Amino acid sequence: MTAHAKPTKDEVIALERSYWDAMKAKDGGKTAELSGKTSLVTGARGVMSIARDKMGKMTEEGDWSLESYSFDDVEVSTPAPDVAIIAYTVRQKVKMNGKSQEMRAADSSTWIRDADGWACHAHSETLLQDGAAA
């Protein structure tokens, strides 16, 4: 196996942005490609284990859209050359069931690189106190 260099902070941020951009475009193929075989997700709905193909379908389906997002306070840790963890606050504007909302949350993702490239294997989101509907 070829040894890889640890990714830079900018490379990890670009991975995370590619996932958010795919959600914004409702591109289920891309979110599936960027997801691990099974991803662990925590958030307001509890804990879920989501298969790659289901992640793609969830991106495409439902009466929701991600209108915009921006990251702040980004921290990246690379404990091994093929593991990257990113944590940040995110401001996001979403439309759910026809109603626009602005939310602020603290998110984190764990990315692992294998022979096929990088994939997100875990993601968590915690709505922050000012994250109520605007």
N, C-alpha and C. Protein backbone atom coordinates (compact mmCIF):
# COMPACT_ATOMS: atom_id res chain seq x y z
N MET A 1 0.85 -1.18 0.00
CA MET A 1 0.00 0.00 0.00
C MET A 1 0.89 1.24 0.00
N THR A 2 0.57 2.19 -0.84
CA THR A 2 1.35 3.42 -0.94
C THR A 2 1.00 4.34 0.23
N ALA A 3 2.02 4.89 0.85
CA ALA A 3 1.79 5.83 1.93
C ALA A 3 1.31 7.16 1.35
N HIS A 4 0.32 7.74 1.99
CA HIS A 4 -0.21 9.03 1.57
C HIS A 4 0.27 10.11 2.52
N ALA A 5 0.39 11.29 2.00
CA ALA A 5 0.66 12.45 2.85
C ALA A 5 -0.64 12.86 3.53
N LYS A 6 -0.52 13.42 4.73
CA LYS A 6 -1.72 13.92 5.40
C LYS A 6 -2.32 15.05 4.56
N PRO A 7 -3.63 15.10 4.49
CA PRO A 7 -4.26 16.19 3.73
C PRO A 7 -4.06 17.52 4.45
N THR A 8 -4.05 18.59 3.68
CA THR A 8 -3.97 19.92 4.27
C THR A 8 -5.35 20.33 4.78
N LYS A 9 -5.36 21.35 5.60
CA LYS A 9 -6.64 21.89 6.10
C LYS A 9 -7.52 22.30 4.92
N ASP A 10 -6.93 22.98 3.93
CA ASP A 10 -7.71 23.42 2.77
C ASP A 10 -8.30 22.24 1.99
N GLU A 11 -7.56 21.13 1.89
CA GLU A 11 -8.08 19.95 1.19
C GLU A 11 -9.28 19.35 1.93
N VAL A 12 -9.22 19.33 3.25
CA VAL A 12 -10.33 18.78 4.05
C VAL A 12 -11.55 19.70 3.95
N ILE A 13 -11.32 21.00 4.02
CA ILE A 13 -12.43 21.94 3.86
C ILE A 13 -13.07 21.77 2.48
N ALA A 14 -12.26 21.57 1.45
CA ALA A 14 -12.79 21.37 0.10
C ALA A 14 -13.65 20.10 0.02
N LEU A 15 -13.23 19.04 0.70
CA LEU A 15 -14.05 17.81 0.75
C LEU A 15 -15.41 18.11 1.37
N GLU A 16 -15.39 18.78 2.50
CA GLU A 16 -16.65 19.09 3.20
C GLU A 16 -17.54 19.98 2.34
N ARG A 17 -16.95 20.97 1.71
CA ARG A 17 -17.73 21.86 0.82
C ARG A 17 -18.33 21.08 -0.35
N SER A 18 -17.58 20.10 -0.87
CA SER A 18 -18.11 19.32 -1.99
C SER A 18 -19.37 18.57 -1.58
N TYR A 19 -19.41 18.12 -0.33
CA TYR A 19 -20.61 17.42 0.17
C TYR A 19 -21.78 18.41 0.28
N TRP A 20 -21.51 19.57 0.88
CA TRP A 20 -22.57 20.58 1.02
C TRP A 20 -23.04 21.06 -0.36
N ASP A 21 -22.12 21.25 -1.29
CA ASP A 21 -22.51 21.67 -2.64
C ASP A 21 -23.38 20.61 -3.31
N ALA A 22 -23.08 19.34 -3.09
CA ALA A 22 -23.91 18.27 -3.65
C ALA A 22 -25.31 18.29 -3.03
N MET A 23 -25.39 18.56 -1.73
CA MET A 23 -26.71 18.66 -1.10
C MET A 23 -27.48 19.86 -1.66
N LYS A 24 -26.78 20.97 -1.84
CA LYS A 24 -27.43 22.17 -2.38
C LYS A 24 -27.97 21.88 -3.78
N ALA A 25 -27.23 21.12 -4.57
CA ALA A 25 -27.66 20.76 -5.93
C ALA A 25 -28.64 19.58 -5.94
N LYS A 26 -28.89 19.00 -4.76
CA LYS A 26 -29.72 17.79 -4.63
C LYS A 26 -29.18 16.67 -5.54
N ASP A 27 -27.85 16.56 -5.56
CA ASP A 27 -27.14 15.59 -6.38
C ASP A 27 -26.87 14.32 -5.55
N GLY A 28 -27.83 13.42 -5.56
CA GLY A 28 -27.72 12.19 -4.78
C GLY A 28 -26.58 11.29 -5.21
N GLY A 29 -26.25 11.31 -6.48
CA GLY A 29 -25.12 10.51 -6.95
C GLY A 29 -23.82 10.97 -6.31
N LYS A 30 -23.66 12.28 -6.20
CA LYS A 30 -22.43 12.83 -5.61
C LYS A 30 -22.39 12.59 -4.10
N THR A 31 -23.52 12.79 -3.40
CA THR A 31 -23.50 12.53 -1.95
C THR A 31 -23.26 11.06 -1.67
N ALA A 32 -23.81 10.17 -2.50
CA ALA A 32 -23.55 8.74 -2.33
C ALA A 32 -22.07 8.44 -2.56
N GLU A 33 -21.49 9.04 -3.59
CA GLU A 33 -20.07 8.83 -3.91
C GLU A 33 -19.17 9.31 -2.76
N LEU A 34 -19.57 10.39 -2.09
CA LEU A 34 -18.77 10.96 -1.02
C LEU A 34 -19.05 10.32 0.35
N SER A 35 -20.01 9.41 0.41
CA SER A 35 -20.37 8.77 1.68
C SER A 35 -19.69 7.42 1.82
N GLY A 36 -19.42 7.04 3.06
CA GLY A 36 -18.91 5.71 3.32
C GLY A 36 -19.98 4.67 3.02
N LYS A 37 -19.59 3.41 2.96
CA LYS A 37 -20.56 2.33 2.69
C LYS A 37 -21.75 2.46 3.63
N THR A 38 -21.48 2.76 4.86
CA THR A 38 -22.50 3.08 5.86
C THR A 38 -21.99 4.29 6.63
N SER A 39 -22.82 5.30 6.79
CA SER A 39 -22.44 6.50 7.52
C SER A 39 -23.26 6.61 8.80
N LEU A 40 -22.59 7.04 9.86
CA LEU A 40 -23.28 7.33 11.12
C LEU A 40 -23.59 8.82 11.14
N VAL A 41 -24.84 9.15 11.45
CA VAL A 41 -25.28 10.54 11.47
C VAL A 41 -26.01 10.79 12.78
N THR A 42 -25.63 11.90 13.45
CA THR A 42 -26.34 12.31 14.66
C THR A 42 -26.85 13.72 14.46
N GLY A 43 -27.99 14.00 15.04
CA GLY A 43 -28.57 15.34 14.94
C GLY A 43 -29.87 15.40 15.70
N ALA A 44 -30.71 16.36 15.33
CA ALA A 44 -31.96 16.61 16.03
C ALA A 44 -32.90 15.39 16.01
N ARG A 45 -32.71 14.51 15.02
CA ARG A 45 -33.57 13.32 14.92
C ARG A 45 -32.97 12.09 15.60
N GLY A 46 -31.85 12.26 16.29
CA GLY A 46 -31.22 11.15 16.99
C GLY A 46 -30.05 10.58 16.23
N VAL A 47 -29.86 9.27 16.33
CA VAL A 47 -28.74 8.57 15.72
C VAL A 47 -29.25 7.70 14.59
N MET A 48 -28.56 7.78 13.45
CA MET A 48 -28.94 6.96 12.30
C MET A 48 -27.69 6.33 11.68
N SER A 49 -27.86 5.15 11.13
CA SER A 49 -26.85 4.49 10.32
C SER A 49 -27.44 4.44 8.92
N ILE A 50 -26.80 5.12 7.96
CA ILE A 50 -27.40 5.29 6.65
C ILE A 50 -26.49 4.69 5.59
N ALA A 51 -27.04 3.76 4.81
CA ALA A 51 -26.31 3.14 3.71
C ALA A 51 -26.08 4.17 2.61
N ARG A 52 -25.00 4.00 1.87
CA ARG A 52 -24.60 4.93 0.80
C ARG A 52 -25.73 5.22 -0.18
N ASP A 53 -26.41 4.19 -0.68
CA ASP A 53 -27.47 4.42 -1.66
C ASP A 53 -28.66 5.17 -1.06
N LYS A 54 -28.96 4.89 0.22
CA LYS A 54 -30.05 5.60 0.89
C LYS A 54 -29.68 7.07 1.09
N MET A 55 -28.40 7.36 1.36
CA MET A 55 -27.96 8.74 1.51
C MET A 55 -28.22 9.50 0.22
N GLY A 56 -27.93 8.86 -0.91
CA GLY A 56 -28.19 9.48 -2.20
C GLY A 56 -29.66 9.77 -2.41
N LYS A 57 -30.51 8.80 -2.08
CA LYS A 57 -31.96 8.99 -2.24
C LYS A 57 -32.48 10.09 -1.32
N MET A 58 -31.97 10.13 -0.08
CA MET A 58 -32.40 11.16 0.87
C MET A 58 -32.03 12.56 0.37
N THR A 59 -30.91 12.66 -0.33
CA THR A 59 -30.49 13.95 -0.87
C THR A 59 -31.46 14.43 -1.94
N GLU A 60 -31.92 13.51 -2.76
CA GLU A 60 -32.77 13.87 -3.90
C GLU A 60 -34.23 14.03 -3.55
N GLU A 61 -34.69 13.31 -2.54
CA GLU A 61 -36.11 13.27 -2.23
C GLU A 61 -36.49 14.26 -1.13
N GLY A 62 -37.77 14.44 -0.96
CA GLY A 62 -38.28 15.26 0.12
C GLY A 62 -38.49 16.70 -0.29
N ASP A 63 -39.35 17.37 0.47
CA ASP A 63 -39.70 18.76 0.20
C ASP A 63 -38.77 19.67 1.00
N TRP A 64 -37.51 19.70 0.59
CA TRP A 64 -36.51 20.54 1.25
C TRP A 64 -35.50 21.00 0.21
N SER A 65 -34.86 22.09 0.50
CA SER A 65 -33.73 22.53 -0.33
C SER A 65 -32.78 23.33 0.55
N LEU A 66 -31.50 23.20 0.24
CA LEU A 66 -30.46 23.98 0.87
C LEU A 66 -30.20 25.16 -0.05
N GLU A 67 -30.55 26.36 0.41
CA GLU A 67 -30.42 27.54 -0.43
C GLU A 67 -29.02 28.15 -0.35
N SER A 68 -28.42 28.15 0.85
CA SER A 68 -27.07 28.68 1.00
C SER A 68 -26.48 28.17 2.30
N TYR A 69 -25.14 28.26 2.40
CA TYR A 69 -24.45 27.88 3.63
C TYR A 69 -23.12 28.62 3.70
N SER A 70 -22.61 28.78 4.91
CA SER A 70 -21.27 29.34 5.08
C SER A 70 -20.67 28.76 6.36
N PHE A 71 -19.38 28.48 6.30
CA PHE A 71 -18.64 27.91 7.43
C PHE A 71 -17.90 29.00 8.20
N ASP A 72 -17.82 28.83 9.51
CA ASP A 72 -17.00 29.67 10.38
C ASP A 72 -16.28 28.77 11.37
N ASP A 73 -15.27 29.31 12.03
CA ASP A 73 -14.59 28.62 13.13
C ASP A 73 -14.17 27.20 12.76
N VAL A 74 -13.60 27.02 11.58
CA VAL A 74 -13.25 25.69 11.08
C VAL A 74 -11.99 25.17 11.76
N GLU A 75 -12.08 23.95 12.27
CA GLU A 75 -10.95 23.25 12.87
C GLU A 75 -10.80 21.92 12.15
N VAL A 76 -9.56 21.52 11.88
CA VAL A 76 -9.29 20.25 11.20
C VAL A 76 -8.23 19.50 11.98
N SER A 77 -8.46 18.20 12.14
CA SER A 77 -7.48 17.31 12.77
C SER A 77 -7.21 16.15 11.81
N THR A 78 -5.94 15.80 11.66
CA THR A 78 -5.56 14.67 10.82
C THR A 78 -4.73 13.71 11.67
N PRO A 79 -5.40 12.83 12.44
CA PRO A 79 -4.69 11.93 13.33
C PRO A 79 -3.88 10.84 12.61
N ALA A 80 -4.17 10.63 11.34
CA ALA A 80 -3.44 9.66 10.52
C ALA A 80 -3.52 10.15 9.08
N PRO A 81 -2.61 9.72 8.20
CA PRO A 81 -2.62 10.22 6.82
C PRO A 81 -3.94 9.99 6.08
N ASP A 82 -4.68 8.95 6.45
CA ASP A 82 -5.92 8.62 5.74
C ASP A 82 -7.17 8.89 6.56
N VAL A 83 -7.04 9.73 7.60
CA VAL A 83 -8.19 10.09 8.44
C VAL A 83 -8.16 11.60 8.65
N ALA A 84 -9.30 12.24 8.43
CA ALA A 84 -9.42 13.68 8.64
C ALA A 84 -10.74 13.96 9.36
N ILE A 85 -10.67 14.81 10.35
CA ILE A 85 -11.85 15.20 11.11
C ILE A 85 -11.98 16.71 10.99
N ILE A 86 -13.16 17.17 10.64
CA ILE A 86 -13.42 18.60 10.50
C ILE A 86 -14.58 18.98 11.40
N ALA A 87 -14.46 20.12 12.07
CA ALA A 87 -15.52 20.65 12.91
C ALA A 87 -15.64 22.14 12.61
N TYR A 88 -16.86 22.66 12.63
CA TYR A 88 -17.09 24.05 12.24
C TYR A 88 -18.49 24.48 12.65
N THR A 89 -18.72 25.77 12.62
CA THR A 89 -20.09 26.25 12.73
C THR A 89 -20.54 26.57 11.31
N VAL A 90 -21.82 26.39 11.09
CA VAL A 90 -22.38 26.62 9.76
C VAL A 90 -23.67 27.43 9.89
N ARG A 91 -23.77 28.43 9.04
CA ARG A 91 -25.03 29.15 8.88
C ARG A 91 -25.64 28.61 7.59
N GLN A 92 -26.88 28.20 7.70
CA GLN A 92 -27.52 27.62 6.52
C GLN A 92 -28.92 28.18 6.35
N LYS A 93 -29.25 28.42 5.11
CA LYS A 93 -30.60 28.85 4.77
C LYS A 93 -31.24 27.68 4.05
N VAL A 94 -32.33 27.18 4.61
CA VAL A 94 -33.01 26.02 4.02
C VAL A 94 -34.48 26.35 3.80
N LYS A 95 -35.08 25.58 2.92
CA LYS A 95 -36.52 25.67 2.71
C LYS A 95 -37.07 24.28 2.97
N MET A 96 -37.97 24.18 3.94
CA MET A 96 -38.60 22.90 4.27
C MET A 96 -40.11 23.08 4.18
N ASN A 97 -40.73 22.19 3.40
CA ASN A 97 -42.17 22.26 3.21
C ASN A 97 -42.62 23.65 2.79
N GLY A 98 -41.84 24.29 1.93
CA GLY A 98 -42.18 25.60 1.40
C GLY A 98 -41.85 26.78 2.31
N LYS A 99 -41.30 26.52 3.49
CA LYS A 99 -41.02 27.59 4.45
C LYS A 99 -39.51 27.78 4.59
N SER A 100 -39.03 29.02 4.36
CA SER A 100 -37.61 29.32 4.50
C SER A 100 -37.23 29.48 5.97
N GLN A 101 -36.05 28.96 6.30
CA GLN A 101 -35.53 29.05 7.66
C GLN A 101 -34.04 29.32 7.59
N GLU A 102 -33.53 30.05 8.57
CA GLU A 102 -32.10 30.22 8.72
C GLU A 102 -31.71 29.55 10.02
N MET A 103 -30.64 28.75 9.98
CA MET A 103 -30.20 28.03 11.16
C MET A 103 -28.71 28.18 11.32
N ARG A 104 -28.26 28.06 12.55
CA ARG A 104 -26.83 28.03 12.85
C ARG A 104 -26.59 26.76 13.65
N ALA A 105 -25.55 26.03 13.27
CA ALA A 105 -25.28 24.75 13.90
C ALA A 105 -23.77 24.54 14.04
N ALA A 106 -23.42 23.63 14.93
CA ALA A 106 -22.04 23.15 15.04
C ALA A 106 -22.03 21.76 14.42
N ASP A 107 -21.18 21.55 13.44
CA ASP A 107 -21.12 20.29 12.71
C ASP A 107 -19.73 19.68 12.79
N SER A 108 -19.66 18.38 12.61
CA SER A 108 -18.37 17.71 12.47
C SER A 108 -18.55 16.51 11.55
N SER A 109 -17.47 16.20 10.82
CA SER A 109 -17.46 15.06 9.92
C SER A 109 -16.14 14.33 10.05
N THR A 110 -16.20 13.01 9.88
CA THR A 110 -15.00 12.19 9.85
C THR A 110 -14.86 11.59 8.46
N TRP A 111 -13.73 11.91 7.82
CA TRP A 111 -13.43 11.45 6.47
C TRP A 111 -12.32 10.41 6.53
N ILE A 112 -12.47 9.33 5.75
CA ILE A 112 -11.46 8.27 5.68
C ILE A 112 -11.14 8.03 4.21
N ARG A 113 -9.83 7.92 3.94
CA ARG A 113 -9.38 7.68 2.57
C ARG A 113 -9.03 6.21 2.41
N ASP A 114 -9.55 5.60 1.32
CA ASP A 114 -9.17 4.23 0.96
C ASP A 114 -8.77 4.23 -0.51
N ALA A 115 -8.70 3.07 -1.11
CA ALA A 115 -8.26 2.97 -2.51
C ALA A 115 -9.17 3.74 -3.47
N ASP A 116 -10.42 3.96 -3.10
CA ASP A 116 -11.37 4.69 -3.96
C ASP A 116 -11.38 6.19 -3.69
N GLY A 117 -10.62 6.65 -2.72
CA GLY A 117 -10.60 8.08 -2.40
C GLY A 117 -11.20 8.35 -1.03
N TRP A 118 -11.56 9.59 -0.81
CA TRP A 118 -12.10 10.03 0.48
C TRP A 118 -13.60 9.79 0.55
N ALA A 119 -14.07 9.39 1.74
CA ALA A 119 -15.51 9.22 1.99
C ALA A 119 -15.81 9.66 3.42
N CYS A 120 -16.97 10.27 3.59
CA CYS A 120 -17.43 10.69 4.91
C CYS A 120 -18.12 9.51 5.58
N HIS A 121 -17.61 9.12 6.75
CA HIS A 121 -18.15 7.96 7.47
C HIS A 121 -18.97 8.35 8.69
N ALA A 122 -18.88 9.62 9.12
CA ALA A 122 -19.68 10.06 10.27
C ALA A 122 -19.88 11.57 10.16
N HIS A 123 -21.09 12.01 10.52
CA HIS A 123 -21.41 13.44 10.52
C HIS A 123 -22.35 13.72 11.68
N SER A 124 -22.09 14.81 12.37
CA SER A 124 -23.00 15.21 13.45
C SER A 124 -23.33 16.68 13.31
N GLU A 125 -24.54 17.03 13.73
CA GLU A 125 -24.97 18.41 13.69
C GLU A 125 -25.74 18.73 14.96
N THR A 126 -25.34 19.81 15.60
CA THR A 126 -26.02 20.29 16.81
C THR A 126 -26.50 21.71 16.53
N LEU A 127 -27.80 21.91 16.58
CA LEU A 127 -28.33 23.26 16.37
C LEU A 127 -27.90 24.11 17.56
N LEU A 128 -27.43 25.33 17.25
CA LEU A 128 -27.00 26.25 18.29
C LEU A 128 -28.19 27.06 18.76
N GLN A 129 -28.05 27.65 19.91
CA GLN A 129 -29.17 28.34 20.55
C GLN A 129 -29.83 29.36 19.64
N ASP A 130 -29.03 30.09 18.87
CA ASP A 130 -29.63 31.06 17.95
C ASP A 130 -30.03 30.41 16.63
N GLY A 131 -30.09 29.07 16.63
CA GLY A 131 -30.41 28.31 15.43
C GLY A 131 -31.88 28.14 15.18
N ALA A 132 -32.72 28.82 15.97
CA ALA A 132 -34.16 28.71 15.76
C ALA A 132 -34.52 29.37 14.44
N ALA A 133 -35.68 29.05 13.93
CA ALA A 133 -36.14 29.62 12.68
C ALA A 133 -36.10 31.14 12.75
N ALA A 134 -35.58 31.75 11.71
CA ALA A 134 -35.45 33.22 11.70
C ALA A 134 -36.74 33.87 11.26
